[in-house]
Amino acid sequence: MSCTPDPGPGRALPRTALGILGDEGFRLFFPLAAIYATAFPLFWVLTMGFDLPLARSVPPSLWHAHEMLVGAFGAALIGFLTTAAPEWTDTEPLRGRPLWWLAALWGTGRIVGFLGWDGMSGLGALADLAWMAALLVYLLRLSWVKRTDRLLVFAVWLSLLIACTAATRAFFLSGDIARAQVAVHLAGLAFLGLLGLALARITVPVSNLVLDPTGASSPFRPHPGRLNLAPGLVLVAMAGQVAGLSSAVSGYLLLAAGAAFMDRVAEAFIGRVALRAEILMLAGAAALAGTGLMMTGAAGLGAPWGAVTGLHVAFMGGLGLGVYAVFCIAGLMHTNRALGLSRPVRLGALALAASVALRVAPDLGLDIPGPLYAGASLAWAAAHLAWLCVFWKYVTAAPLAAEPDATAPARTPDLSIARDPAQDAAAAE
């Protein structure tokens, strides 16, 4: 690997730290997501004792759920889409001022949410809906310019997220807490739909790189019919909840969606290299998302735990580990570094899984001594700080040029779209 900067044709290389952070979406928004994912739970649990300083009409627990989804995972979503969409469409990524404007809108929402500032909830809502709408326009514009439908499924799910977020904030403003809680849960399911799309398009290319680091072949090929199964069944479950179906029927729909995520775990069975951290994290994200959805469905059918327990496993575990995996994999590949995670990052993934276990242990009647919620927030923070400490030097370093040789691909491999076996066969002929 060469350390020679590669600014690209006609583009000056950014030299300052701020210029480098604004050079590509993942460089700016992945650290913002990690910082916020670290700070907010510690503030809410350890400093405020499950309260927020300016929360009056909206319960702090709802602000907490909203901020972890729209705040931490929202920043990760901006970084992912502004990095992956240009790769999918072979276009130049957003750089500089547009990224900083998105960061300003996202940050305005976080100032309101971090404090639980009910009096400024309208401003926070406008800021959050503005960055989501800008992201949607960006995807649609790329789709139109490049005459491609590869981004449209993400645009659909982003539209659903916008609708759920708008409903949540409308109910916050009106004081309808029961409906606000449902809307927050639907927003979390929308994020799970986006996670399912991302896993389907990342897992196979990463598996092939693990099996053949040269990128010259595709030894692993997925079953093409499963590409959008998990997101599709999540959408059906969301529709059932919006339609007001009984808890039993909604429970069965969530069980089906969870089973579809468990089906994605099968893609990790690629031999001994399945024990690689990258594969385990992607499979673990699908497993936790599936387990959480099935636990939520089982709660509707009379299981001895609440639906919120399953949602914590799905959102905190499935989404959390999935986002962490994307941080690691994209953070390496988009800085032209080979796959392979350091020990602190691997321990961070284990800490994240431990935080989920500590959070749901009391709900499942497990008698573990100690302040479990504090332990969960500390383990969660440790995971994201581990990633930040290791990857900060990567995302703030000048872009590296991939050195062409006989054993490495000439460009950053496409980690976004699973290859179609039919197309591979046609190319071979």
Protein backbone atom coordinates (compact mmCIF):
# COMPACT_ATOMS: atom_id res chain seq x y z
CA MET A 1 0.00 0.00 0.00
CA SER A 2 1.37 3.36 -0.99
CA CYS A 3 1.18 6.42 1.23
CA THR A 4 1.09 8.71 -1.77
CA PRO A 5 -2.00 10.94 -1.65
CA ASP A 6 -4.44 10.39 -4.49
CA PRO A 7 -6.56 13.54 -4.89
CA GLY A 8 -8.29 12.33 -8.04
CA PRO A 9 -8.46 14.09 -11.37
CA GLY A 10 -8.79 17.85 -11.15
CA ARG A 11 -9.17 17.92 -7.35
CA ALA A 12 -6.77 19.41 -4.84
CA LEU A 13 -5.95 17.19 -1.89
CA PRO A 14 -7.36 18.53 1.43
CA ARG A 15 -4.51 19.28 3.82
CA THR A 16 -6.17 20.40 7.06
CA ALA A 17 -7.96 18.04 9.44
CA LEU A 18 -11.28 19.78 8.78
CA GLY A 19 -10.69 19.59 5.05
CA ILE A 20 -9.98 15.86 5.27
CA LEU A 21 -13.06 15.22 7.44
CA GLY A 22 -15.19 17.00 4.84
CA ASP A 23 -13.65 15.06 1.97
CA GLU A 24 -16.13 12.16 2.17
CA GLY A 25 -19.24 11.40 4.19
CA PHE A 26 -17.88 8.53 6.26
CA ARG A 27 -14.91 10.60 7.45
CA LEU A 28 -17.18 13.20 9.05
CA PHE A 29 -20.30 11.33 10.10
CA PHE A 30 -18.91 8.04 11.40
CA PRO A 31 -16.92 9.84 14.13
CA LEU A 32 -19.90 12.09 14.89
CA ALA A 33 -22.09 9.00 15.28
CA ALA A 34 -19.52 7.28 17.52
CA ILE A 35 -19.10 10.37 19.70
CA TYR A 36 -22.84 10.84 20.12
CA ALA A 37 -23.43 7.13 20.73
CA THR A 38 -20.85 7.38 23.52
CA ALA A 39 -21.95 10.64 25.10
CA PHE A 40 -25.74 10.43 25.18
CA PRO A 41 -26.22 7.14 27.13
CA LEU A 42 -23.55 8.14 29.66
CA PHE A 43 -25.23 11.51 30.16
CA TRP A 44 -28.72 10.01 30.40
CA VAL A 45 -27.85 7.12 32.72
CA LEU A 46 -24.84 8.17 34.80
CA THR A 47 -25.19 11.95 34.96
CA MET A 48 -28.94 12.52 34.88
CA GLY A 49 -30.18 9.24 36.39
CA PHE A 50 -32.55 8.46 33.48
CA ASP A 51 -33.74 12.07 33.30
CA LEU A 52 -32.98 14.97 30.96
CA PRO A 53 -32.58 18.57 32.11
CA LEU A 54 -35.27 20.20 29.94
CA ALA A 55 -37.71 17.30 29.47
CA ARG A 56 -41.15 18.28 30.72
CA SER A 57 -44.03 16.97 28.60
CA VAL A 58 -42.16 14.20 26.75
CA PRO A 59 -40.80 11.36 28.92
CA PRO A 60 -36.98 11.21 28.95
CA SER A 61 -37.14 7.54 27.91
CA LEU A 62 -38.77 8.57 24.62
CA TRP A 63 -36.17 11.25 24.03
CA HIS A 64 -33.54 8.58 24.74
CA ALA A 65 -34.99 6.19 22.15
CA HIS A 66 -35.35 8.97 19.59
CA GLU A 67 -31.82 10.25 20.09
CA MET A 68 -30.20 6.84 19.82
CA LEU A 69 -32.09 6.12 16.60
CA VAL A 70 -32.26 9.48 14.82
CA GLY A 71 -29.19 10.89 16.54
CA ALA A 72 -26.48 8.20 16.67
CA PHE A 73 -27.79 5.87 13.96
CA GLY A 74 -28.93 8.85 11.91
CA ALA A 75 -25.37 10.17 11.64
CA ALA A 76 -24.20 6.70 10.65
CA LEU A 77 -26.89 6.63 7.95
CA ILE A 78 -25.76 9.97 6.51
CA GLY A 79 -22.15 8.77 6.41
CA PHE A 80 -23.10 5.45 4.84
CA LEU A 81 -25.35 6.80 2.09
CA THR A 82 -23.17 9.78 1.15
CA THR A 83 -20.26 7.36 0.79
CA ALA A 84 -21.95 4.32 -0.73
CA ALA A 85 -24.38 6.01 -3.15
CA PRO A 86 -21.59 7.63 -5.21
CA GLU A 87 -19.84 4.26 -5.32
CA TRP A 88 -22.99 2.52 -6.53
CA THR A 89 -23.50 5.14 -9.27
CA ASP A 90 -19.85 5.82 -10.15
CA THR A 91 -20.16 9.53 -9.33
CA GLU A 92 -18.12 11.95 -7.26
CA PRO A 93 -19.13 11.96 -3.58
CA LEU A 94 -20.41 14.98 -1.71
CA ARG A 95 -17.52 17.01 -0.34
CA GLY A 96 -16.98 20.11 1.72
CA ARG A 97 -19.84 22.54 2.24
CA PRO A 98 -22.79 20.15 1.54
CA LEU A 99 -21.48 17.71 4.16
CA TRP A 100 -20.97 20.48 6.71
CA TRP A 101 -24.51 21.76 6.10
CA LEU A 102 -25.84 18.25 6.73
CA ALA A 103 -23.74 18.14 9.90
CA ALA A 104 -25.13 21.50 11.03
CA LEU A 105 -28.72 20.33 10.57
CA TRP A 106 -28.01 17.05 12.32
CA GLY A 107 -26.22 18.88 15.13
CA THR A 108 -29.12 21.31 15.64
CA GLY A 109 -31.42 18.36 16.24
CA ARG A 110 -28.94 16.89 18.70
CA ILE A 111 -28.70 20.05 20.80
CA VAL A 112 -32.46 19.83 21.31
CA GLY A 113 -32.57 16.07 21.85
CA PHE A 114 -29.55 15.83 24.12
CA LEU A 115 -31.24 18.13 26.62
CA GLY A 116 -34.77 16.81 26.02
CA TRP A 117 -35.67 20.40 25.22
CA ASP A 118 -39.44 20.22 24.84
CA GLY A 119 -39.73 23.96 24.27
CA MET A 120 -37.54 23.77 21.17
CA SER A 121 -38.87 20.44 19.92
CA GLY A 122 -40.28 22.07 16.80
CA LEU A 123 -36.87 23.43 15.82
CA GLY A 124 -35.25 20.06 16.39
CA ALA A 125 -37.93 18.37 14.31
CA LEU A 126 -37.41 20.77 11.41
CA ALA A 127 -33.63 20.23 11.53
CA ASP A 128 -33.92 16.44 11.54
CA LEU A 129 -36.53 16.35 8.79
CA ALA A 130 -34.40 18.77 6.74
CA TRP A 131 -31.31 16.55 6.69
CA MET A 132 -33.41 13.48 5.96
CA ALA A 133 -35.19 15.27 3.10
CA ALA A 134 -31.86 16.52 1.72
CA LEU A 135 -30.52 12.96 1.79
CA LEU A 136 -33.62 11.71 -0.02
CA VAL A 137 -33.31 14.41 -2.70
CA TYR A 138 -29.66 13.46 -3.11
CA LEU A 139 -30.52 9.79 -3.73
CA LEU A 140 -33.32 10.65 -6.15
CA ARG A 141 -31.13 13.10 -8.04
CA LEU A 142 -28.38 10.51 -8.48
CA SER A 143 -30.98 7.99 -9.62
CA TRP A 144 -32.32 10.41 -12.21
CA VAL A 145 -28.92 11.58 -13.48
CA LYS A 146 -27.50 8.07 -13.79
CA ARG A 147 -30.80 6.49 -14.92
CA THR A 148 -30.45 3.74 -12.32
CA ASP A 149 -32.85 2.06 -9.91
CA ARG A 150 -30.10 0.82 -7.55
CA LEU A 151 -30.82 3.59 -5.05
CA LEU A 152 -34.60 3.56 -5.17
CA VAL A 153 -35.13 0.89 -2.52
CA PHE A 154 -33.00 2.94 -0.11
CA ALA A 155 -35.01 6.04 -1.09
CA VAL A 156 -38.24 4.19 -0.24
CA TRP A 157 -36.99 3.20 3.20
CA LEU A 158 -35.63 6.68 3.82
CA SER A 159 -39.09 8.04 2.96
CA LEU A 160 -40.60 5.68 5.53
CA LEU A 161 -38.07 6.88 8.11
CA ILE A 162 -39.01 10.48 7.34
CA ALA A 163 -42.71 9.67 7.81
CA CYS A 164 -42.07 7.89 11.13
CA THR A 165 -39.86 10.72 12.39
CA ALA A 166 -42.39 13.36 11.38
CA ALA A 167 -45.14 11.44 13.18
CA THR A 168 -42.97 11.05 16.29
CA ARG A 169 -42.24 14.76 16.50
CA ALA A 170 -45.85 15.71 15.77
CA PHE A 171 -46.97 13.53 18.67
CA PHE A 172 -44.22 15.02 20.86
CA LEU A 173 -45.60 18.49 20.14
CA SER A 174 -49.22 17.47 20.70
CA GLY A 175 -48.45 15.56 23.89
CA ASP A 176 -49.84 12.26 22.56
CA ILE A 177 -47.25 10.10 24.28
CA ALA A 178 -48.85 6.72 23.52
CA ARG A 179 -48.80 7.36 19.77
CA ALA A 180 -45.35 8.92 19.99
CA GLN A 181 -44.05 5.69 21.48
CA VAL A 182 -45.54 3.67 18.61
CA ALA A 183 -44.03 6.09 16.08
CA VAL A 184 -40.57 5.80 17.69
CA HIS A 185 -40.79 2.02 17.48
CA LEU A 186 -41.80 2.27 13.82
CA ALA A 187 -38.78 4.53 13.19
CA GLY A 188 -36.61 1.82 14.72
CA LEU A 189 -38.18 -0.77 12.41
CA ALA A 190 -37.46 1.54 9.47
CA PHE A 191 -33.81 1.56 10.51
CA LEU A 192 -33.94 -2.25 10.67
CA GLY A 193 -35.25 -2.26 7.10
CA LEU A 194 -32.28 -0.14 6.07
CA LEU A 195 -29.98 -2.50 7.99
CA GLY A 196 -31.41 -5.46 6.10
CA LEU A 197 -30.71 -3.73 2.80
CA ALA A 198 -27.16 -2.90 3.85
CA LEU A 199 -26.39 -6.42 5.12
CA ALA A 200 -27.66 -7.95 1.89
CA ARG A 201 -25.33 -5.74 -0.13
CA ILE A 202 -22.26 -5.83 2.10
CA THR A 203 -22.02 -9.37 3.47
CA VAL A 204 -21.42 -11.17 0.17
CA PRO A 205 -18.67 -8.87 -1.20
CA VAL A 206 -16.92 -8.90 2.19
CA SER A 207 -17.17 -12.71 2.33
CA ASN A 208 -15.61 -12.92 -1.12
CA LEU A 209 -12.77 -10.62 -0.10
CA VAL A 210 -12.13 -12.76 2.97
CA LEU A 211 -12.12 -15.92 0.85
CA ASP A 212 -10.06 -14.36 -1.96
CA PRO A 213 -8.23 -11.18 -0.87
CA THR A 214 -7.07 -10.55 -4.46
CA GLY A 215 -10.65 -9.85 -5.52
CA ALA A 216 -10.04 -11.83 -8.69
CA SER A 217 -12.85 -14.31 -8.09
CA SER A 218 -16.18 -14.68 -6.33
CA PRO A 219 -16.02 -18.02 -4.51
CA PHE A 220 -19.18 -17.30 -2.52
CA ARG A 221 -22.48 -16.61 -4.27
CA PRO A 222 -25.72 -15.86 -2.41
CA HIS A 223 -29.17 -17.17 -3.05
CA PRO A 224 -30.58 -14.28 -5.15
CA GLY A 225 -34.12 -14.60 -3.85
CA ARG A 226 -33.15 -13.57 -0.31
CA LEU A 227 -31.73 -10.17 -1.18
CA ASN A 228 -34.66 -8.11 0.13
CA LEU A 229 -36.56 -10.74 2.14
CA ALA A 230 -35.79 -9.31 5.61
CA PRO A 231 -36.63 -5.68 4.73
CA GLY A 232 -39.77 -6.81 2.93
CA LEU A 233 -41.09 -8.69 5.94
CA VAL A 234 -40.17 -5.81 8.25
CA LEU A 235 -42.30 -3.61 5.99
CA VAL A 236 -45.20 -6.05 6.31
CA ALA A 237 -44.84 -5.99 10.10
CA MET A 238 -44.83 -2.18 10.08
CA ALA A 239 -47.94 -2.13 7.92
CA GLY A 240 -49.65 -4.47 10.37
CA GLN A 241 -48.92 -2.16 13.28
CA VAL A 242 -50.10 0.92 11.40
CA ALA A 243 -53.28 -0.92 10.42
CA GLY A 244 -53.97 -1.67 14.08
CA LEU A 245 -53.90 -5.44 13.81
CA SER A 246 -54.22 -7.45 17.00
CA SER A 247 -51.14 -8.04 19.14
CA ALA A 248 -51.22 -11.72 18.18
CA VAL A 249 -51.24 -11.05 14.43
CA SER A 250 -48.57 -8.36 14.78
CA GLY A 251 -46.58 -10.83 16.85
CA TYR A 252 -46.61 -13.42 14.10
CA LEU A 253 -45.56 -10.81 11.53
CA LEU A 254 -42.61 -9.81 13.71
CA LEU A 255 -41.68 -13.47 14.13
CA ALA A 256 -41.58 -13.83 10.35
CA ALA A 257 -39.42 -10.70 9.97
CA GLY A 258 -37.06 -11.99 12.64
CA ALA A 259 -36.79 -15.36 10.92
CA ALA A 260 -35.81 -13.58 7.69
CA PHE A 261 -32.93 -11.88 9.48
CA MET A 262 -31.87 -15.24 10.91
CA ASP A 263 -31.81 -16.52 7.34
CA ARG A 264 -29.12 -13.94 6.58
CA VAL A 265 -26.93 -15.53 9.26
CA ALA A 266 -26.57 -18.57 6.99
CA GLU A 267 -24.37 -16.48 4.70
CA ALA A 268 -21.66 -16.62 7.37
CA PHE A 269 -21.19 -20.36 6.90
CA ILE A 270 -18.17 -20.11 4.60
CA GLY A 271 -15.77 -22.43 6.37
CA ARG A 272 -13.08 -21.65 8.93
CA VAL A 273 -12.75 -18.06 7.77
CA ALA A 274 -16.24 -17.50 9.18
CA LEU A 275 -14.38 -16.87 12.44
CA ARG A 276 -12.95 -13.64 11.01
CA ALA A 277 -14.18 -10.66 13.01
CA GLU A 278 -15.73 -8.96 9.95
CA ILE A 279 -17.88 -12.01 9.17
CA LEU A 280 -18.83 -12.57 12.80
CA MET A 281 -19.94 -8.95 13.24
CA LEU A 282 -22.13 -8.97 10.13
CA ALA A 283 -23.66 -12.32 11.07
CA GLY A 284 -24.06 -11.18 14.67
CA ALA A 285 -25.91 -8.05 13.59
CA ALA A 286 -28.39 -10.16 11.60
CA ALA A 287 -28.71 -12.64 14.47
CA LEU A 288 -29.41 -9.98 17.09
CA ALA A 289 -31.86 -8.15 14.82
CA GLY A 290 -33.68 -11.42 14.15
CA THR A 291 -33.64 -12.51 17.79
CA GLY A 292 -34.94 -9.13 18.93
CA LEU A 293 -37.77 -9.10 16.41
CA MET A 294 -38.78 -12.63 17.36
CA MET A 295 -38.67 -11.74 21.06
CA THR A 296 -40.86 -8.71 20.35
CA GLY A 297 -43.30 -10.88 18.42
CA ALA A 298 -43.29 -13.49 21.18
CA ALA A 299 -44.12 -10.77 23.73
CA GLY A 300 -47.28 -10.05 21.75
CA LEU A 301 -48.15 -13.73 21.99
CA GLY A 302 -47.78 -13.84 25.78
CA ALA A 303 -44.07 -14.43 26.42
CA PRO A 304 -42.94 -13.47 29.94
CA TRP A 305 -41.10 -10.31 28.89
CA GLY A 306 -42.14 -6.98 27.48
CA ALA A 307 -41.96 -5.92 23.87
CA VAL A 308 -39.37 -3.28 24.80
CA THR A 309 -36.96 -6.07 25.78
CA GLY A 310 -37.04 -7.51 22.28
CA LEU A 311 -36.79 -4.04 20.76
CA HIS A 312 -33.63 -3.35 22.78
CA VAL A 313 -32.08 -6.55 21.43
CA ALA A 314 -33.09 -5.63 17.86
CA PHE A 315 -32.19 -1.93 17.96
CA MET A 316 -29.32 -1.82 20.46
CA GLY A 317 -27.92 -5.18 19.40
CA GLY A 318 -28.84 -5.66 15.74
CA LEU A 319 -28.60 -2.05 14.64
CA GLY A 320 -25.75 -1.28 17.03
CA LEU A 321 -23.52 -4.15 15.92
CA GLY A 322 -24.47 -3.63 12.27
CA VAL A 323 -23.48 0.03 12.42
CA TYR A 324 -20.26 -0.89 14.24
CA ALA A 325 -19.43 -3.43 11.51
CA VAL A 326 -20.03 -0.82 8.79
CA PHE A 327 -17.81 1.63 10.68
CA CYS A 328 -15.01 -0.93 10.69
CA ILE A 329 -15.34 -2.36 7.18
CA ALA A 330 -16.02 0.91 5.36
CA GLY A 331 -13.45 2.67 7.50
CA LEU A 332 -10.80 0.28 6.23
CA MET A 333 -11.86 -0.17 2.64
CA HIS A 334 -12.56 3.49 1.91
CA THR A 335 -9.17 4.48 3.24
CA ASN A 336 -7.54 1.83 1.02
CA ARG A 337 -6.58 -0.43 3.91
CA ALA A 338 -6.89 -4.19 3.85
CA LEU A 339 -9.49 -6.00 5.91
CA GLY A 340 -8.34 -7.13 9.32
CA LEU A 341 -9.34 -5.61 12.66
CA SER A 342 -7.06 -4.77 15.56
CA ARG A 343 -7.58 -6.25 19.01
CA PRO A 344 -9.12 -3.06 20.54
CA VAL A 345 -11.74 -2.97 17.79
CA ARG A 346 -12.55 -6.67 18.21
CA LEU A 347 -12.85 -6.17 21.97
CA GLY A 348 -15.12 -3.22 21.23
CA ALA A 349 -17.49 -5.50 19.34
CA LEU A 350 -17.56 -7.86 22.33
CA ALA A 351 -18.21 -4.91 24.67
CA LEU A 352 -21.14 -3.85 22.50
CA ALA A 353 -22.64 -7.35 22.69
CA ALA A 354 -22.06 -7.38 26.46
CA SER A 355 -23.87 -4.06 26.80
CA VAL A 356 -26.96 -5.58 25.19
CA ALA A 357 -26.83 -8.57 27.54
CA LEU A 358 -26.52 -6.31 30.58
CA ARG A 359 -29.41 -4.12 29.43
CA VAL A 360 -31.92 -6.95 28.97
CA ALA A 361 -30.77 -9.20 31.82
CA PRO A 362 -33.15 -7.69 34.43
CA ASP A 363 -36.07 -7.92 32.00
CA LEU A 364 -35.42 -11.65 31.60
CA GLY A 365 -35.25 -12.24 35.36
CA LEU A 366 -31.51 -12.85 35.46
CA ASP A 367 -30.13 -12.03 38.88
CA ILE A 368 -26.77 -10.45 38.09
CA PRO A 369 -25.25 -8.29 40.86
CA GLY A 370 -24.26 -4.72 40.24
CA PRO A 371 -25.67 -1.63 38.54
CA LEU A 372 -26.55 -3.30 35.24
CA TYR A 373 -27.83 -0.24 33.40
CA ALA A 374 -24.72 1.71 34.29
CA GLY A 375 -22.61 -1.24 33.19
CA ALA A 376 -24.52 -1.43 29.92
CA SER A 377 -23.96 2.25 29.18
CA LEU A 378 -20.26 1.99 30.05
CA ALA A 379 -19.74 -1.09 27.86
CA TRP A 380 -21.62 0.57 24.99
CA ALA A 381 -19.46 3.69 25.33
CA ALA A 382 -16.27 1.62 25.52
CA ALA A 383 -17.12 -0.08 22.22
CA HIS A 384 -17.53 3.18 20.34
CA LEU A 385 -14.51 4.78 21.99
CA ALA A 386 -12.41 1.77 20.95
CA TRP A 387 -13.45 2.27 17.32
CA LEU A 388 -12.87 6.02 17.55
CA CYS A 389 -9.39 5.66 19.06
CA VAL A 390 -8.27 3.22 16.36
CA PHE A 391 -9.95 4.75 13.32
CA TRP A 392 -9.54 8.45 14.07
CA LYS A 393 -6.06 8.42 12.56
CA TYR A 394 -7.46 6.75 9.45
CA VAL A 395 -10.35 9.12 8.80
CA THR A 396 -8.25 12.22 9.49
CA ALA A 397 -5.27 11.10 7.41
CA ALA A 398 -4.85 12.29 3.84
CA PRO A 399 -6.46 9.84 1.37
CA LEU A 400 -4.17 6.99 0.38
CA ALA A 401 -3.69 5.68 -3.13
CA ALA A 402 -4.07 1.96 -3.63
CA GLU A 403 -0.80 0.59 -4.95
CA PRO A 404 -1.40 -1.52 -8.06
CA ASP A 405 0.13 -4.97 -7.86
CA ALA A 406 -0.62 -8.49 -8.89
CA THR A 407 -2.22 -9.51 -5.61
CA ALA A 408 -4.51 -6.57 -4.89
CA PRO A 409 -7.50 -5.13 -6.72
CA ALA A 410 -6.84 -1.94 -8.65
CA ARG A 411 -9.56 0.02 -6.87
CA THR A 412 -11.56 -0.13 -3.68
CA PRO A 413 -13.87 -3.13 -4.06
CA ASP A 414 -17.58 -2.41 -4.30
CA LEU A 415 -18.89 -3.33 -0.86
CA SER A 416 -22.37 -2.11 -1.57
CA ILE A 417 -24.11 -4.43 -3.98
CA ALA A 418 -24.04 -8.20 -3.92
CA ARG A 419 -23.01 -9.57 -7.28
CA ASP A 420 -25.63 -11.32 -9.34
CA PRO A 421 -24.61 -14.93 -10.06
CA ALA A 422 -26.33 -14.79 -13.44
CA GLN A 423 -24.26 -11.77 -14.43
CA ASP A 424 -21.08 -13.50 -13.27
CA ALA A 425 -21.91 -16.54 -15.37
CA ALA A 426 -22.61 -14.40 -18.41
CA ALA A 427 -19.30 -12.56 -17.97
CA ALA A 428 -17.44 -15.87 -17.72
CA GLU A 429 -18.93 -17.01 -21.02
